[in-house]
Amino acid sequence: MSESFLWRTSPDPGDSFEYPYELEVKGCGQLFTYDLEFETNSDQLKASEWPVLGAVAGLMKKDSALKIRVAGHSDSIGDPEANKRLAVRRAEAVKKVLAGRYGADAGRITTRGWGAEPPLADNATKGCVM
């Protein structure tokens, strides 16, 4: 993939709009995000603000019956069992941010670590780590 494809810009991006997280979560039953990145071989989230997590926590506050599962992934380099353990730690790190920073009810968040299986993207895919 070329950089121009990954980071393309539009000469006229149009008006800003709020992403319909609630519709996606409730209508589709899941929300995939590539907005969460981790350091290589680490469970430390990059960045200091995660709007998608704030939005999900907001949905959980709005709907007290909503429960979510955070699925962590890793690349396929190295030992598969170590990658699965890393994926579990990554999912737990996201849960911690949802509850600690954004006030989501941790009791309604479960986690699962998948490791490299099933793959979300090729190891060469830039930015697709969770």
N, C-alpha and C. Protein backbone atom coordinates (compact mmCIF):
# COMPACT_ATOMS: atom_id res chain seq x y z
N MET A 1 0.83 -1.18 0.00
CA MET A 1 0.00 0.00 0.00
C MET A 1 0.88 1.24 0.00
N SER A 2 0.50 2.20 -0.76
CA SER A 2 1.30 3.42 -0.81
C SER A 2 0.87 4.38 0.29
N GLU A 3 1.77 5.25 0.67
CA GLU A 3 1.47 6.26 1.69
C GLU A 3 0.31 7.15 1.24
N SER A 4 0.21 7.43 -0.06
CA SER A 4 -0.87 8.30 -0.51
C SER A 4 -2.22 7.66 -0.26
N PHE A 5 -2.27 6.33 -0.32
CA PHE A 5 -3.53 5.65 -0.03
C PHE A 5 -3.84 5.69 1.46
N LEU A 6 -2.84 5.43 2.28
CA LEU A 6 -3.06 5.38 3.72
C LEU A 6 -3.41 6.74 4.31
N TRP A 7 -2.82 7.77 3.81
CA TRP A 7 -2.98 9.10 4.42
C TRP A 7 -3.53 10.11 3.42
N ARG A 8 -4.42 9.67 2.55
CA ARG A 8 -4.94 10.58 1.53
C ARG A 8 -5.75 11.71 2.17
N THR A 9 -5.78 12.81 1.50
CA THR A 9 -6.58 13.95 1.96
C THR A 9 -7.48 14.39 0.81
N SER A 10 -8.52 15.05 1.15
CA SER A 10 -9.48 15.52 0.16
C SER A 10 -9.36 17.03 0.06
N PRO A 11 -9.42 17.58 -1.14
CA PRO A 11 -9.37 19.04 -1.26
C PRO A 11 -10.60 19.69 -0.62
N ASP A 12 -11.72 18.98 -0.54
CA ASP A 12 -12.93 19.49 0.10
C ASP A 12 -13.50 18.40 0.99
N PRO A 13 -13.07 18.34 2.25
CA PRO A 13 -13.52 17.26 3.12
C PRO A 13 -14.98 17.38 3.54
N GLY A 14 -15.62 18.50 3.30
CA GLY A 14 -17.02 18.68 3.70
C GLY A 14 -17.13 19.08 5.16
N ASP A 15 -18.36 19.16 5.60
CA ASP A 15 -18.62 19.55 6.98
C ASP A 15 -18.25 18.43 7.94
N SER A 16 -17.82 18.81 9.13
CA SER A 16 -17.55 17.83 10.16
C SER A 16 -18.87 17.23 10.64
N PHE A 17 -18.80 15.98 11.09
CA PHE A 17 -19.99 15.35 11.65
C PHE A 17 -19.54 14.40 12.76
N GLU A 18 -20.47 14.14 13.65
CA GLU A 18 -20.19 13.23 14.75
C GLU A 18 -20.40 11.80 14.25
N TYR A 19 -19.40 10.95 14.44
CA TYR A 19 -19.50 9.58 13.97
C TYR A 19 -20.62 8.85 14.72
N PRO A 20 -21.44 8.08 14.03
CA PRO A 20 -22.59 7.42 14.68
C PRO A 20 -22.20 6.13 15.42
N TYR A 21 -21.41 6.28 16.49
CA TYR A 21 -20.96 5.12 17.25
C TYR A 21 -22.13 4.30 17.78
N GLU A 22 -23.14 4.99 18.32
CA GLU A 22 -24.27 4.28 18.90
C GLU A 22 -24.97 3.43 17.85
N LEU A 23 -25.17 3.97 16.69
CA LEU A 23 -25.82 3.23 15.62
C LEU A 23 -24.99 2.01 15.23
N GLU A 24 -23.70 2.17 15.15
CA GLU A 24 -22.84 1.05 14.77
C GLU A 24 -22.82 -0.02 15.86
N VAL A 25 -22.67 0.39 17.11
CA VAL A 25 -22.63 -0.58 18.20
C VAL A 25 -23.96 -1.32 18.33
N LYS A 26 -25.04 -0.58 18.35
CA LYS A 26 -26.35 -1.21 18.55
C LYS A 26 -26.90 -1.85 17.28
N GLY A 27 -26.65 -1.25 16.15
CA GLY A 27 -27.16 -1.79 14.89
C GLY A 27 -26.36 -2.98 14.38
N CYS A 28 -25.04 -2.91 14.52
CA CYS A 28 -24.18 -3.97 14.01
C CYS A 28 -23.76 -4.95 15.11
N GLY A 29 -23.85 -4.52 16.34
CA GLY A 29 -23.45 -5.38 17.45
C GLY A 29 -21.96 -5.40 17.69
N GLN A 30 -21.23 -4.58 16.96
CA GLN A 30 -19.78 -4.52 17.14
C GLN A 30 -19.24 -3.21 16.57
N LEU A 31 -18.04 -2.90 16.98
CA LEU A 31 -17.36 -1.69 16.52
C LEU A 31 -15.91 -2.05 16.34
N PHE A 32 -15.44 -1.99 15.12
CA PHE A 32 -14.02 -2.21 14.84
C PHE A 32 -13.34 -0.85 14.78
N THR A 33 -12.20 -0.76 15.42
CA THR A 33 -11.45 0.49 15.34
C THR A 33 -9.98 0.21 15.11
N TYR A 34 -9.39 1.02 14.30
CA TYR A 34 -7.95 0.97 14.07
C TYR A 34 -7.31 2.23 14.65
N ASP A 35 -8.08 2.95 15.48
CA ASP A 35 -7.60 4.19 16.08
C ASP A 35 -6.72 3.96 17.30
N LEU A 36 -6.66 2.73 17.78
CA LEU A 36 -5.87 2.42 18.97
C LEU A 36 -4.59 1.73 18.54
N GLU A 37 -3.47 2.35 18.86
CA GLU A 37 -2.18 1.79 18.49
C GLU A 37 -1.34 1.56 19.75
N PHE A 38 -0.53 0.53 19.68
CA PHE A 38 0.36 0.18 20.78
C PHE A 38 1.80 0.20 20.30
N GLU A 39 2.70 0.44 21.24
CA GLU A 39 4.11 0.30 20.93
C GLU A 39 4.36 -1.17 20.57
N THR A 40 5.36 -1.42 19.76
CA THR A 40 5.69 -2.79 19.37
C THR A 40 5.97 -3.64 20.59
N ASN A 41 5.38 -4.83 20.62
CA ASN A 41 5.58 -5.80 21.70
C ASN A 41 5.26 -5.21 23.08
N SER A 42 4.24 -4.35 23.12
CA SER A 42 3.91 -3.64 24.36
C SER A 42 2.39 -3.54 24.52
N ASP A 43 1.96 -3.42 25.76
CA ASP A 43 0.54 -3.17 26.03
C ASP A 43 0.30 -1.70 26.35
N GLN A 44 1.27 -0.84 26.05
CA GLN A 44 1.13 0.60 26.30
C GLN A 44 0.51 1.28 25.08
N LEU A 45 -0.66 1.89 25.28
CA LEU A 45 -1.32 2.61 24.21
C LEU A 45 -0.51 3.84 23.83
N LYS A 46 -0.43 4.09 22.53
CA LYS A 46 0.17 5.32 22.05
C LYS A 46 -0.87 6.43 22.20
N ALA A 47 -0.44 7.66 22.21
CA ALA A 47 -1.29 8.85 22.31
C ALA A 47 -1.72 9.07 23.76
N SER A 48 -2.47 10.12 23.98
CA SER A 48 -2.95 10.41 25.33
C SER A 48 -4.46 10.66 25.34
N GLU A 49 -5.07 10.75 24.19
CA GLU A 49 -6.51 10.91 24.06
C GLU A 49 -7.01 9.89 23.04
N TRP A 50 -8.16 9.30 23.35
CA TRP A 50 -8.74 8.29 22.48
C TRP A 50 -10.22 8.58 22.32
N PRO A 51 -10.60 9.44 21.36
CA PRO A 51 -12.01 9.83 21.20
C PRO A 51 -12.95 8.64 21.05
N VAL A 52 -12.53 7.59 20.38
CA VAL A 52 -13.40 6.43 20.21
C VAL A 52 -13.72 5.80 21.57
N LEU A 53 -12.76 5.77 22.48
CA LEU A 53 -13.02 5.21 23.81
C LEU A 53 -13.93 6.12 24.62
N GLY A 54 -13.76 7.41 24.47
CA GLY A 54 -14.67 8.35 25.12
C GLY A 54 -16.10 8.18 24.63
N ALA A 55 -16.24 7.96 23.33
CA ALA A 55 -17.58 7.77 22.76
C ALA A 55 -18.20 6.47 23.26
N VAL A 56 -17.42 5.39 23.30
CA VAL A 56 -17.94 4.11 23.78
C VAL A 56 -18.32 4.21 25.26
N ALA A 57 -17.48 4.85 26.06
CA ALA A 57 -17.81 5.03 27.47
C ALA A 57 -19.09 5.86 27.61
N GLY A 58 -19.26 6.87 26.78
CA GLY A 58 -20.47 7.67 26.80
C GLY A 58 -21.71 6.83 26.49
N LEU A 59 -21.59 5.91 25.54
CA LEU A 59 -22.70 5.01 25.23
C LEU A 59 -23.04 4.13 26.42
N MET A 60 -22.00 3.64 27.10
CA MET A 60 -22.23 2.79 28.26
C MET A 60 -22.91 3.55 29.39
N LYS A 61 -22.56 4.82 29.54
CA LYS A 61 -23.20 5.64 30.58
C LYS A 61 -24.66 5.92 30.23
N LYS A 62 -24.91 6.10 28.95
CA LYS A 62 -26.26 6.40 28.48
C LYS A 62 -27.18 5.19 28.57
N ASP A 63 -26.63 3.99 28.34
CA ASP A 63 -27.41 2.75 28.33
C ASP A 63 -26.83 1.80 29.38
N SER A 64 -27.48 1.75 30.54
CA SER A 64 -26.93 0.95 31.65
C SER A 64 -27.00 -0.56 31.40
N ALA A 65 -27.68 -0.98 30.35
CA ALA A 65 -27.74 -2.41 30.02
C ALA A 65 -26.65 -2.82 29.02
N LEU A 66 -25.97 -1.84 28.45
CA LEU A 66 -24.97 -2.13 27.42
C LEU A 66 -23.73 -2.76 28.04
N LYS A 67 -23.35 -3.91 27.51
CA LYS A 67 -22.12 -4.59 27.91
C LYS A 67 -21.25 -4.71 26.68
N ILE A 68 -19.94 -4.61 26.86
CA ILE A 68 -19.04 -4.72 25.71
C ILE A 68 -17.93 -5.72 25.99
N ARG A 69 -17.35 -6.21 24.92
CA ARG A 69 -16.16 -7.05 25.02
C ARG A 69 -15.08 -6.38 24.18
N VAL A 70 -13.93 -6.17 24.79
CA VAL A 70 -12.78 -5.60 24.09
C VAL A 70 -11.92 -6.76 23.63
N ALA A 71 -11.66 -6.82 22.34
CA ALA A 71 -10.83 -7.88 21.77
C ALA A 71 -9.48 -7.32 21.40
N GLY A 72 -8.43 -7.87 21.98
CA GLY A 72 -7.07 -7.44 21.68
C GLY A 72 -6.43 -8.34 20.65
N HIS A 73 -5.54 -7.76 19.86
CA HIS A 73 -4.82 -8.50 18.82
C HIS A 73 -3.33 -8.15 18.88
N SER A 74 -2.55 -8.92 18.17
CA SER A 74 -1.12 -8.64 18.02
C SER A 74 -0.72 -9.02 16.61
N ASP A 75 0.54 -8.79 16.26
CA ASP A 75 0.99 -9.27 14.96
C ASP A 75 1.37 -10.75 15.09
N SER A 76 1.89 -11.32 14.02
CA SER A 76 2.21 -12.75 14.03
C SER A 76 3.70 -13.03 14.16
N ILE A 77 4.47 -12.01 14.49
CA ILE A 77 5.92 -12.20 14.64
C ILE A 77 6.21 -12.77 16.02
N GLY A 78 7.00 -13.82 16.08
CA GLY A 78 7.38 -14.40 17.36
C GLY A 78 6.49 -15.53 17.79
N ASP A 79 6.57 -15.86 19.07
CA ASP A 79 5.86 -16.98 19.66
C ASP A 79 4.35 -16.72 19.72
N PRO A 80 3.54 -17.62 19.15
CA PRO A 80 2.08 -17.42 19.14
C PRO A 80 1.47 -17.30 20.54
N GLU A 81 1.95 -18.07 21.50
CA GLU A 81 1.40 -17.98 22.85
C GLU A 81 1.77 -16.66 23.52
N ALA A 82 2.99 -16.19 23.29
CA ALA A 82 3.39 -14.88 23.83
C ALA A 82 2.55 -13.78 23.19
N ASN A 83 2.26 -13.90 21.91
CA ASN A 83 1.43 -12.91 21.23
C ASN A 83 0.01 -12.91 21.78
N LYS A 84 -0.51 -14.08 22.11
CA LYS A 84 -1.85 -14.15 22.68
C LYS A 84 -1.88 -13.49 24.06
N ARG A 85 -0.84 -13.74 24.87
CA ARG A 85 -0.78 -13.09 26.19
C ARG A 85 -0.68 -11.57 26.03
N LEU A 86 0.09 -11.12 25.04
CA LEU A 86 0.19 -9.69 24.77
C LEU A 86 -1.17 -9.13 24.37
N ALA A 87 -1.90 -9.85 23.55
CA ALA A 87 -3.22 -9.40 23.11
C ALA A 87 -4.17 -9.27 24.30
N VAL A 88 -4.09 -10.20 25.25
CA VAL A 88 -4.92 -10.11 26.46
C VAL A 88 -4.55 -8.85 27.24
N ARG A 89 -3.26 -8.60 27.41
CA ARG A 89 -2.83 -7.40 28.14
C ARG A 89 -3.28 -6.13 27.42
N ARG A 90 -3.27 -6.13 26.10
CA ARG A 90 -3.73 -4.97 25.34
C ARG A 90 -5.22 -4.73 25.56
N ALA A 91 -6.00 -5.80 25.53
CA ALA A 91 -7.44 -5.65 25.78
C ALA A 91 -7.68 -5.12 27.19
N GLU A 92 -6.93 -5.63 28.17
CA GLU A 92 -7.05 -5.15 29.55
C GLU A 92 -6.64 -3.68 29.66
N ALA A 93 -5.64 -3.26 28.89
CA ALA A 93 -5.21 -1.86 28.91
C ALA A 93 -6.33 -0.95 28.40
N VAL A 94 -7.03 -1.39 27.36
CA VAL A 94 -8.14 -0.61 26.81
C VAL A 94 -9.27 -0.54 27.84
N LYS A 95 -9.58 -1.66 28.49
CA LYS A 95 -10.60 -1.67 29.53
C LYS A 95 -10.25 -0.69 30.65
N LYS A 96 -8.98 -0.68 31.03
CA LYS A 96 -8.53 0.22 32.10
C LYS A 96 -8.75 1.69 31.71
N VAL A 97 -8.46 2.03 30.46
CA VAL A 97 -8.67 3.41 30.00
C VAL A 97 -10.16 3.73 29.95
N LEU A 98 -10.97 2.79 29.45
CA LEU A 98 -12.42 3.02 29.40
C LEU A 98 -12.97 3.32 30.78
N ALA A 99 -12.56 2.53 31.77
CA ALA A 99 -13.09 2.70 33.13
C ALA A 99 -12.41 3.84 33.87
N GLY A 100 -11.09 3.87 33.85
CA GLY A 100 -10.34 4.84 34.64
C GLY A 100 -10.38 6.25 34.11
N ARG A 101 -10.23 6.40 32.82
CA ARG A 101 -10.17 7.74 32.25
C ARG A 101 -11.53 8.27 31.82
N TYR A 102 -12.37 7.35 31.29
CA TYR A 102 -13.63 7.80 30.71
C TYR A 102 -14.86 7.42 31.54
N GLY A 103 -14.67 6.73 32.66
CA GLY A 103 -15.76 6.48 33.59
C GLY A 103 -16.74 5.38 33.22
N ALA A 104 -16.37 4.49 32.32
CA ALA A 104 -17.25 3.37 31.98
C ALA A 104 -17.27 2.37 33.14
N ASP A 105 -18.35 1.64 33.28
CA ASP A 105 -18.49 0.63 34.32
C ASP A 105 -17.66 -0.60 33.95
N ALA A 106 -16.55 -0.81 34.65
CA ALA A 106 -15.66 -1.93 34.35
C ALA A 106 -16.35 -3.28 34.49
N GLY A 107 -17.38 -3.37 35.32
CA GLY A 107 -18.11 -4.60 35.51
C GLY A 107 -18.90 -5.04 34.27
N ARG A 108 -19.08 -4.12 33.33
CA ARG A 108 -19.80 -4.45 32.10
C ARG A 108 -18.85 -4.57 30.91
N ILE A 109 -17.56 -4.66 31.19
CA ILE A 109 -16.56 -4.80 30.13
C ILE A 109 -15.82 -6.11 30.32
N THR A 110 -15.87 -6.98 29.33
CA THR A 110 -15.06 -8.19 29.35
C THR A 110 -13.96 -8.03 28.31
N THR A 111 -12.93 -8.84 28.44
CA THR A 111 -11.81 -8.75 27.50
C THR A 111 -11.51 -10.12 26.92
N ARG A 112 -10.88 -10.09 25.76
CA ARG A 112 -10.46 -11.32 25.08
C ARG A 112 -9.22 -10.99 24.28
N GLY A 113 -8.22 -11.84 24.36
CA GLY A 113 -7.01 -11.67 23.56
C GLY A 113 -6.94 -12.72 22.48
N TRP A 114 -6.80 -12.28 21.25
CA TRP A 114 -6.75 -13.20 20.12
C TRP A 114 -5.34 -13.45 19.62
N GLY A 115 -4.39 -12.64 19.98
CA GLY A 115 -3.07 -12.79 19.39
C GLY A 115 -3.12 -12.44 17.92
N ALA A 116 -2.50 -13.27 17.10
CA ALA A 116 -2.46 -13.01 15.65
C ALA A 116 -3.58 -13.73 14.91
N GLU A 117 -4.36 -14.54 15.61
CA GLU A 117 -5.43 -15.30 14.96
C GLU A 117 -6.78 -14.86 15.52
N PRO A 118 -7.74 -14.48 14.75
CA PRO A 118 -7.65 -14.31 13.31
C PRO A 118 -6.94 -13.01 12.98
N PRO A 119 -6.18 -12.98 11.89
CA PRO A 119 -5.46 -11.75 11.55
C PRO A 119 -6.42 -10.64 11.13
N LEU A 120 -6.12 -9.44 11.58
CA LEU A 120 -6.90 -8.28 11.16
C LEU A 120 -6.31 -7.65 9.92
N ALA A 121 -4.98 -7.80 9.78
CA ALA A 121 -4.28 -7.20 8.66
C ALA A 121 -2.93 -7.89 8.52
N ASP A 122 -2.31 -7.67 7.40
CA ASP A 122 -0.96 -8.15 7.15
C ASP A 122 0.01 -7.43 8.07
N ASN A 123 1.08 -8.08 8.50
CA ASN A 123 2.06 -7.44 9.39
C ASN A 123 2.64 -6.16 8.80
N ALA A 124 2.62 -6.03 7.49
CA ALA A 124 3.17 -4.84 6.84
C ALA A 124 2.18 -3.67 6.82
N THR A 125 0.95 -3.88 7.25
CA THR A 125 -0.06 -2.84 7.22
C THR A 125 0.22 -1.83 8.31
N LYS A 126 0.48 -0.59 7.91
CA LYS A 126 0.81 0.46 8.86
C LYS A 126 -0.39 0.88 9.69
N GLY A 127 -0.21 0.90 11.02
CA GLY A 127 -1.22 1.43 11.90
C GLY A 127 -2.33 0.48 12.29
N CYS A 128 -2.38 -0.70 11.76
CA CYS A 128 -3.46 -1.62 12.09
C CYS A 128 -2.99 -2.62 13.12
N VAL A 129 -3.07 -2.24 14.37
CA VAL A 129 -2.55 -3.11 15.41
C VAL A 129 -3.61 -3.57 16.39
N MET A 130 -4.79 -3.05 16.35
CA MET A 130 -5.84 -3.52 17.25
C MET A 130 -7.15 -3.44 16.54
